[in-house]
Every structure is written in structure tokens, then in C-alpha cells.
Amino acid sequence: MTLEETVKVPGPRCPFCHEEVPRGLRPEVCAACHALHHPECLAEHGACAGCGTPARPQDASDSDPASGGLAFTAFVREPGKIEEQRTVRAPSLDEAIRALEADGATVVRIGLEDTPPLTLFRYRAVDDAGARVHGHVTACDRDEAHLRIRGLGLFPTSIRSAGVSSLFGALRLREEQRVIAVVVALGLLSSLLAVAAVLLIELLRGG
């Protein structure tokens, strides 16, 4: 009996019918948020049930003749600055992320305009052949990101988001600062105790 026969690992769920997308089925993948759909569900709905992206990519003339792409709203963070909202037009999610990060900004959340932006998760994974790959998906949380990566036929080894990593990095920095402060305080206290002990000994000898 294999591990897969012993433990059933749930697959990703179609955001339209909310049923599992079984292994072996070639799902339809949203170009914007990478959500996996049953082919018949996407054909029936005509658009991604997660973010609303049309089932077939729009031509530049269908979205905005001057821009040549879909409108994405993103929240980005630059070094030393607070998170800010930006809008960009691009043919796909990948192109939008590249455009936003070209000047050194980090995308935290992104989605189509007029839809709630999803958190951008970056991952490292291995495929069925054992080759190492990396990329990104958008999802509501880390668990959903994990399911989407597995739905791509990959086995994730690390998943992180810009917002979470920055938060934990700040927490770790503050924790390190507290530890240093405690060590310094203990060092000063031990020095004071040593001086006090010497003075006490001198007083006892003088008495």
C-alpha cells in the first residue's frame, strides 16, 4: 500500500462549482489569478469565478485601445516606504507584476480592477521529474496558495508572501533588539554587583 492510498490529499477546488478538480484532468487556469476551473464550469460561466477575468484573453481593443491590456490594481511596498496602491495595465498577471516591480517595488497584493486584490505568494517547488522551479500564484491565504501550486502538478518546498515575510522580518528584528538590550542590561547589572561586592568586602575589612 502506497502513501497516496493511505492518505488522501485533497486537490484544489473549482471556484465556480466548489467541487474538487481531480488529478488527471487538465483544468482551465485563470490567466490573472491562476485559479483552476473545470473546463465545463469556465465555459458555462464565461469568466474566472474567482477574479472575474474573461475566459478568453481580451484584445487590446476590448479593454482599452490606448493601454493594450487588462487593468490591475496592486498594493506595493518600496524599501523605506509604506505600502501604496497602484494601477497598471498589462496583457496578463505576470506582465503586470513585472511592470510594477521594474523600479524595485515589491507586489504584496494584486487583482483585476474593481475586484478585491489577492495576496501574491512566491513559491519554490519541484516537479514530477525532480526539477526545481519557482514562480508565483495569487490566493486568499497560504493554504489556498498551496492547493493552487499542487494543482499545477508541483510539490512546493517554500511559500511566502511579501507582506508576511516583511512582518516576520520586522518582528525578528525587534526580538533581536530586545535580546541585545537584555544582554547589555545583564552585563551592567553583573558589573554593578561586582563593584558592590568589592565595596562590601572593603567595608567589612575596615570594620
C-alpha atoms as a PDB file:
ATOM      1  CA  MET A   1       0.000   0.000   0.000  1.00  0.00           C
ATOM      2  CA  THR A   2       1.405   3.361  -1.025  1.00  0.00           C
ATOM      3  CA  LEU A   3       1.275   6.603   0.950  1.00  0.00           C
ATOM      4  CA  GLU A   4      -1.232   8.063  -1.549  1.00  0.00           C
ATOM      5  CA  GLU A   5      -3.514   5.061  -0.969  1.00  0.00           C
ATOM      6  CA  THR A   6      -3.251   5.511   2.787  1.00  0.00           C
ATOM      7  CA  VAL A   7      -3.678   9.291   2.989  1.00  0.00           C
ATOM      8  CA  LYS A   8      -5.956  11.104   0.528  1.00  0.00           C
ATOM      9  CA  VAL A   9      -4.559  14.557  -0.209  1.00  0.00           C
ATOM     10  CA  PRO A  10      -7.379  16.891  -1.298  1.00  0.00           C
ATOM     11  CA  GLY A  11      -6.860  18.684  -4.575  1.00  0.00           C
ATOM     12  CA  PRO A  12      -7.749  22.268  -5.472  1.00  0.00           C
ATOM     13  CA  ARG A  13     -11.416  23.223  -5.754  1.00  0.00           C
ATOM     14  CA  CYS A  14     -13.074  24.896  -8.701  1.00  0.00           C
ATOM     15  CA  PRO A  15     -14.227  28.393  -7.593  1.00  0.00           C
ATOM     16  CA  PHE A  16     -17.415  28.075  -9.700  1.00  0.00           C
ATOM     17  CA  CYS A  17     -18.910  24.769  -8.524  1.00  0.00           C
ATOM     18  CA  HIS A  18     -16.687  24.381  -5.422  1.00  0.00           C
ATOM     19  CA  GLU A  19     -16.025  20.743  -6.307  1.00  0.00           C
ATOM     20  CA  GLU A  20     -12.562  19.215  -6.340  1.00  0.00           C
ATOM     21  CA  VAL A  21     -10.560  19.375  -9.568  1.00  0.00           C
ATOM     22  CA  PRO A  22      -9.409  15.737  -9.811  1.00  0.00           C
ATOM     23  CA  ARG A  23      -5.914  14.673 -10.725  1.00  0.00           C
ATOM     24  CA  GLY A  24      -5.518  13.702 -14.341  1.00  0.00           C
ATOM     25  CA  LEU A  25      -7.984  16.318 -15.508  1.00  0.00           C
ATOM     26  CA  ARG A  26      -6.460  19.155 -17.482  1.00  0.00           C
ATOM     27  CA  PRO A  27      -8.006  22.195 -15.792  1.00  0.00           C
ATOM     28  CA  GLU A  28      -8.551  25.649 -17.203  1.00  0.00           C
ATOM     29  CA  VAL A  29      -6.196  28.081 -15.450  1.00  0.00           C
ATOM     30  CA  CYS A  30      -7.141  31.739 -14.986  1.00  0.00           C
ATOM     31  CA  ALA A  31      -4.502  33.970 -16.575  1.00  0.00           C
ATOM     32  CA  ALA A  32      -4.936  36.610 -13.854  1.00  0.00           C
ATOM     33  CA  CYS A  33      -5.213  34.763 -10.526  1.00  0.00           C
ATOM     34  CA  HIS A  34      -4.201  31.207 -11.586  1.00  0.00           C
ATOM     35  CA  ALA A  35      -7.405  29.684 -10.162  1.00  0.00           C
ATOM     36  CA  LEU A  36      -8.158  26.207 -11.519  1.00  0.00           C
ATOM     37  CA  HIS A  37     -11.583  25.510 -13.070  1.00  0.00           C
ATOM     38  CA  HIS A  38     -13.300  22.502 -14.566  1.00  0.00           C
ATOM     39  CA  PRO A  39     -13.347  23.209 -18.332  1.00  0.00           C
ATOM     40  CA  GLU A  40     -17.159  22.955 -18.415  1.00  0.00           C
ATOM     41  CA  CYS A  41     -17.502  25.346 -15.464  1.00  0.00           C
ATOM     42  CA  LEU A  42     -15.373  28.018 -17.104  1.00  0.00           C
ATOM     43  CA  ALA A  43     -17.263  27.547 -20.381  1.00  0.00           C
ATOM     44  CA  GLU A  44     -20.602  27.926 -18.578  1.00  0.00           C
ATOM     45  CA  HIS A  45     -19.584  30.954 -16.501  1.00  0.00           C
ATOM     46  CA  GLY A  46     -17.588  32.642 -19.245  1.00  0.00           C
ATOM     47  CA  ALA A  47     -15.126  34.153 -16.779  1.00  0.00           C
ATOM     48  CA  CYS A  48     -12.984  33.234 -13.791  1.00  0.00           C
ATOM     49  CA  ALA A  49     -15.259  32.675 -10.807  1.00  0.00           C
ATOM     50  CA  GLY A  50     -12.509  33.945  -8.540  1.00  0.00           C
ATOM     51  CA  CYS A  51     -11.494  37.287 -10.004  1.00  0.00           C
ATOM     52  CA  GLY A  52     -13.777  37.819 -12.999  1.00  0.00           C
ATOM     53  CA  THR A  53     -11.161  37.646 -15.761  1.00  0.00           C
ATOM     54  CA  PRO A  54     -12.810  36.731 -19.099  1.00  0.00           C
ATOM     55  CA  ALA A  55     -12.399  33.091 -20.092  1.00  0.00           C
ATOM     56  CA  ARG A  56     -10.518  34.151 -23.212  1.00  0.00           C
ATOM     57  CA  PRO A  57      -7.892  36.907 -23.075  1.00  0.00           C
ATOM     58  CA  GLN A  58      -9.249  40.239 -24.232  1.00  0.00           C
ATOM     59  CA  ASP A  59      -7.770  42.018 -27.209  1.00  0.00           C
ATOM     60  CA  ALA A  60      -6.328  45.464 -26.603  1.00  0.00           C
ATOM     61  CA  SER A  61      -9.349  46.953 -28.403  1.00  0.00           C
ATOM     62  CA  ASP A  62     -11.710  45.153 -25.985  1.00  0.00           C
ATOM     63  CA  SER A  63     -10.142  46.637 -22.852  1.00  0.00           C
ATOM     64  CA  ASP A  64      -8.525  49.958 -23.719  1.00  0.00           C
ATOM     65  CA  PRO A  65      -7.115  50.812 -27.146  1.00  0.00           C
ATOM     66  CA  ALA A  66      -4.540  53.133 -25.617  1.00  0.00           C
ATOM     67  CA  SER A  67      -3.274  50.715 -22.985  1.00  0.00           C
ATOM     68  CA  GLY A  68      -3.259  47.309 -24.627  1.00  0.00           C
ATOM     69  CA  GLY A  69      -4.243  45.156 -21.667  1.00  0.00           C
ATOM     70  CA  LEU A  70      -6.291  44.445 -18.587  1.00  0.00           C
ATOM     71  CA  ALA A  71      -6.376  46.877 -15.671  1.00  0.00           C
ATOM     72  CA  PHE A  72      -4.828  45.553 -12.451  1.00  0.00           C
ATOM     73  CA  THR A  73      -4.915  47.178  -9.028  1.00  0.00           C
ATOM     74  CA  ALA A  74      -1.978  46.354  -6.787  1.00  0.00           C
ATOM     75  CA  PHE A  75      -0.626  47.230  -3.375  1.00  0.00           C
ATOM     76  CA  VAL A  76       3.152  47.533  -3.491  1.00  0.00           C
ATOM     77  CA  ARG A  77       5.890  48.252  -0.979  1.00  0.00           C
ATOM     78  CA  GLU A  78       9.175  50.023  -1.646  1.00  0.00           C
ATOM     79  CA  PRO A  79      12.204  49.993   0.684  1.00  0.00           C
ATOM     80  CA  GLY A  80      11.749  52.584   3.415  1.00  0.00           C
ATOM     81  CA  LYS A  81       8.203  53.461   2.343  1.00  0.00           C
ATOM     82  CA  ILE A  82       4.720  52.461   3.436  1.00  0.00           C
ATOM     83  CA  GLU A  83       2.504  50.254   1.296  1.00  0.00           C
ATOM     84  CA  GLU A  84       0.765  52.148  -1.518  1.00  0.00           C
ATOM     85  CA  GLN A  85      -1.853  51.382  -4.159  1.00  0.00           C
ATOM     86  CA  ARG A  86      -1.056  51.472  -7.874  1.00  0.00           C
ATOM     87  CA  THR A  87      -2.907  50.690 -11.091  1.00  0.00           C
ATOM     88  CA  VAL A  88      -1.276  49.183 -14.155  1.00  0.00           C
ATOM     89  CA  ARG A  89      -2.490  47.828 -17.479  1.00  0.00           C
ATOM     90  CA  ALA A  90      -0.924  44.663 -18.872  1.00  0.00           C
ATOM     91  CA  PRO A  91      -1.883  41.648 -21.010  1.00  0.00           C
ATOM     92  CA  SER A  92      -1.534  39.236 -18.057  1.00  0.00           C
ATOM     93  CA  LEU A  93      -0.849  38.991 -14.351  1.00  0.00           C
ATOM     94  CA  ASP A  94       2.807  38.126 -14.937  1.00  0.00           C
ATOM     95  CA  GLU A  95       3.315  41.176 -17.136  1.00  0.00           C
ATOM     96  CA  ALA A  96       1.595  43.395 -14.559  1.00  0.00           C
ATOM     97  CA  ILE A  97       3.886  42.143 -11.783  1.00  0.00           C
ATOM     98  CA  ARG A  98       6.981  42.657 -13.933  1.00  0.00           C
ATOM     99  CA  ALA A  99       5.889  46.198 -14.762  1.00  0.00           C
ATOM    100  CA  LEU A 100       5.234  47.059 -11.117  1.00  0.00           C
ATOM    101  CA  GLU A 101       8.497  45.569  -9.842  1.00  0.00           C
ATOM    102  CA  ALA A 102      10.663  47.043 -12.615  1.00  0.00           C
ATOM    103  CA  ASP A 103      11.503  50.040 -10.397  1.00  0.00           C
ATOM    104  CA  GLY A 104      12.320  47.991  -7.286  1.00  0.00           C
ATOM    105  CA  ALA A 105       8.864  47.810  -5.693  1.00  0.00           C
ATOM    106  CA  THR A 106       7.542  44.552  -4.218  1.00  0.00           C
ATOM    107  CA  VAL A 107       3.970  43.495  -5.018  1.00  0.00           C
ATOM    108  CA  VAL A 108       2.077  42.467  -1.877  1.00  0.00           C
ATOM    109  CA  ARG A 109      -1.472  42.102  -3.234  1.00  0.00           C
ATOM    110  CA  ILE A 110      -2.840  42.317  -6.771  1.00  0.00           C
ATOM    111  CA  GLY A 111      -6.060  41.721  -8.691  1.00  0.00           C
ATOM    112  CA  LEU A 112      -8.136  42.962 -11.563  1.00  0.00           C
ATOM    113  CA  GLU A 113      -9.507  46.462 -11.195  1.00  0.00           C
ATOM    114  CA  ASP A 114     -12.835  46.607  -9.296  1.00  0.00           C
ATOM    115  CA  THR A 115     -12.203  43.180  -7.696  1.00  0.00           C
ATOM    116  CA  PRO A 116     -10.651  42.508  -4.277  1.00  0.00           C
ATOM    117  CA  PRO A 117      -6.883  42.032  -4.726  1.00  0.00           C
ATOM    118  CA  LEU A 118      -5.431  38.706  -3.614  1.00  0.00           C
ATOM    119  CA  THR A 119      -2.148  38.168  -1.805  1.00  0.00           C
ATOM    120  CA  LEU A 120       0.779  37.379  -4.087  1.00  0.00           C
ATOM    121  CA  PHE A 121       2.600  34.252  -2.927  1.00  0.00           C
ATOM    122  CA  ARG A 122       6.017  33.356  -4.305  1.00  0.00           C
ATOM    123  CA  TYR A 123       6.999  29.725  -4.226  1.00  0.00           C
ATOM    124  CA  ARG A 124       9.831  27.308  -4.821  1.00  0.00           C
ATOM    125  CA  ALA A 125       8.880  23.788  -5.782  1.00  0.00           C
ATOM    126  CA  VAL A 126       9.918  20.590  -7.549  1.00  0.00           C
ATOM    127  CA  ASP A 127       8.066  18.939 -10.401  1.00  0.00           C
ATOM    128  CA  ASP A 128       7.382  15.254 -11.019  1.00  0.00           C
ATOM    129  CA  ALA A 129      10.832  14.859 -12.551  1.00  0.00           C
ATOM    130  CA  GLY A 130      12.524  16.405  -9.505  1.00  0.00           C
ATOM    131  CA  ALA A 131      13.492  19.629 -11.274  1.00  0.00           C
ATOM    132  CA  ARG A 132      13.475  22.787  -9.164  1.00  0.00           C
ATOM    133  CA  VAL A 133      11.117  25.533 -10.282  1.00  0.00           C
ATOM    134  CA  HIS A 134       9.882  28.819  -8.871  1.00  0.00           C
ATOM    135  CA  GLY A 135       7.024  31.182  -9.599  1.00  0.00           C
ATOM    136  CA  HIS A 136       4.056  32.920  -8.021  1.00  0.00           C
ATOM    137  CA  VAL A 137       0.329  32.494  -7.509  1.00  0.00           C
ATOM    138  CA  THR A 138      -2.374  34.706  -6.029  1.00  0.00           C
ATOM    139  CA  ALA A 139      -4.612  33.368  -3.278  1.00  0.00           C
ATOM    140  CA  CYS A 140      -6.614  34.366  -0.208  1.00  0.00           C
ATOM    141  CA  ASP A 141      -4.227  32.605   2.161  1.00  0.00           C
ATOM    142  CA  ARG A 142      -1.248  30.273   2.292  1.00  0.00           C
ATOM    143  CA  ASP A 143      -3.375  27.108   2.319  1.00  0.00           C
ATOM    144  CA  GLU A 144      -5.145  28.127  -0.885  1.00  0.00           C
ATOM    145  CA  ALA A 145      -1.788  29.034  -2.432  1.00  0.00           C
ATOM    146  CA  HIS A 146      -0.517  25.564  -1.553  1.00  0.00           C
ATOM    147  CA  LEU A 147      -3.517  23.935  -3.246  1.00  0.00           C
ATOM    148  CA  ARG A 148      -3.067  26.046  -6.371  1.00  0.00           C
ATOM    149  CA  ILE A 149       0.610  25.138  -6.612  1.00  0.00           C
ATOM    150  CA  ARG A 150      -0.245  21.447  -6.180  1.00  0.00           C
ATOM    151  CA  GLY A 151      -2.890  21.900  -8.858  1.00  0.00           C
ATOM    152  CA  LEU A 152      -0.095  22.894 -11.230  1.00  0.00           C
ATOM    153  CA  GLY A 153       1.466  19.475 -10.648  1.00  0.00           C
ATOM    154  CA  LEU A 154       4.216  20.873  -8.425  1.00  0.00           C
ATOM    155  CA  PHE A 155       5.389  19.999  -4.923  1.00  0.00           C
ATOM    156  CA  PRO A 156       6.101  23.264  -3.046  1.00  0.00           C
ATOM    157  CA  THR A 157       9.155  23.461  -0.806  1.00  0.00           C
ATOM    158  CA  SER A 158       8.594  27.064   0.305  1.00  0.00           C
ATOM    159  CA  ILE A 159       5.726  29.536   0.034  1.00  0.00           C
ATOM    160  CA  ARG A 160       5.968  33.130   1.161  1.00  0.00           C
ATOM    161  CA  SER A 161       4.220  36.434   0.676  1.00  0.00           C
ATOM    162  CA  ALA A 162       5.841  39.859   0.712  1.00  0.00           C
ATOM    163  CA  GLY A 163       3.559  41.112   3.476  1.00  0.00           C
ATOM    164  CA  VAL A 164       4.059  38.122   5.774  1.00  0.00           C
ATOM    165  CA  SER A 165       7.813  37.924   5.262  1.00  0.00           C
ATOM    166  CA  SER A 166       8.200  41.650   5.935  1.00  0.00           C
ATOM    167  CA  LEU A 167       6.081  41.409   9.068  1.00  0.00           C
ATOM    168  CA  PHE A 168       8.017  38.451  10.428  1.00  0.00           C
ATOM    169  CA  GLY A 169      11.270  40.122   9.476  1.00  0.00           C
ATOM    170  CA  ALA A 170      10.299  43.193  11.490  1.00  0.00           C
ATOM    171  CA  LEU A 171       9.230  41.024  14.409  1.00  0.00           C
ATOM    172  CA  ARG A 172      12.504  39.124  14.292  1.00  0.00           C
ATOM    173  CA  LEU A 173      14.428  42.398  14.209  1.00  0.00           C
ATOM    174  CA  ARG A 174      12.565  43.745  17.234  1.00  0.00           C
ATOM    175  CA  GLU A 175      13.086  40.426  19.019  1.00  0.00           C
ATOM    176  CA  GLU A 176      16.827  40.583  18.347  1.00  0.00           C
ATOM    177  CA  GLN A 177      16.927  44.158  19.626  1.00  0.00           C
ATOM    178  CA  ARG A 178      15.169  43.091  22.833  1.00  0.00           C
ATOM    179  CA  VAL A 179      17.631  40.229  23.323  1.00  0.00           C
ATOM    180  CA  ILE A 180      20.593  42.587  22.849  1.00  0.00           C
ATOM    181  CA  ALA A 181      19.075  45.067  25.312  1.00  0.00           C
ATOM    182  CA  VAL A 182      18.591  42.298  27.913  1.00  0.00           C
ATOM    183  CA  VAL A 183      22.184  41.064  27.450  1.00  0.00           C
ATOM    184  CA  VAL A 184      23.556  44.585  27.860  1.00  0.00           C
ATOM    185  CA  ALA A 185      21.390  45.157  30.938  1.00  0.00           C
ATOM    186  CA  LEU A 186      22.542  41.881  32.487  1.00  0.00           C
ATOM    187  CA  GLY A 187      26.156  42.834  31.775  1.00  0.00           C
ATOM    188  CA  LEU A 188      25.727  46.199  33.511  1.00  0.00           C
ATOM    189  CA  LEU A 189      23.943  44.538  36.422  1.00  0.00           C
ATOM    190  CA  SER A 190      26.732  41.994  36.879  1.00  0.00           C
ATOM    191  CA  SER A 191      29.310  44.815  36.822  1.00  0.00           C
ATOM    192  CA  LEU A 192      27.368  46.763  39.455  1.00  0.00           C
ATOM    193  CA  LEU A 193      27.050  43.656  41.616  1.00  0.00           C
ATOM    194  CA  ALA A 194      30.799  43.050  41.334  1.00  0.00           C
ATOM    195  CA  VAL A 195      31.550  46.646  42.389  1.00  0.00           C
ATOM    196  CA  ALA A 196      29.066  46.373  45.251  1.00  0.00           C
ATOM    197  CA  ALA A 197      30.697  43.128  46.391  1.00  0.00           C
ATOM    198  CA  VAL A 198      34.130  44.736  46.391  1.00  0.00           C
ATOM    199  CA  LEU A 199      32.856  47.729  48.383  1.00  0.00           C
ATOM    200  CA  LEU A 200      31.135  45.436  50.850  1.00  0.00           C
ATOM    201  CA  ILE A 201      34.317  43.438  51.354  1.00  0.00           C
ATOM    202  CA  GLU A 202      36.307  46.638  51.929  1.00  0.00           C
ATOM    203  CA  LEU A 203      33.726  47.853  54.457  1.00  0.00           C
ATOM    204  CA  LEU A 204      33.842  44.570  56.339  1.00  0.00           C
ATOM    205  CA  ARG A 205      37.619  44.637  56.425  1.00  0.00           C
ATOM    206  CA  GLY A 206      37.604  48.235  57.659  1.00  0.00           C
ATOM    207  CA  GLY A 207      35.099  47.354  60.346  1.00  0.00           C
END
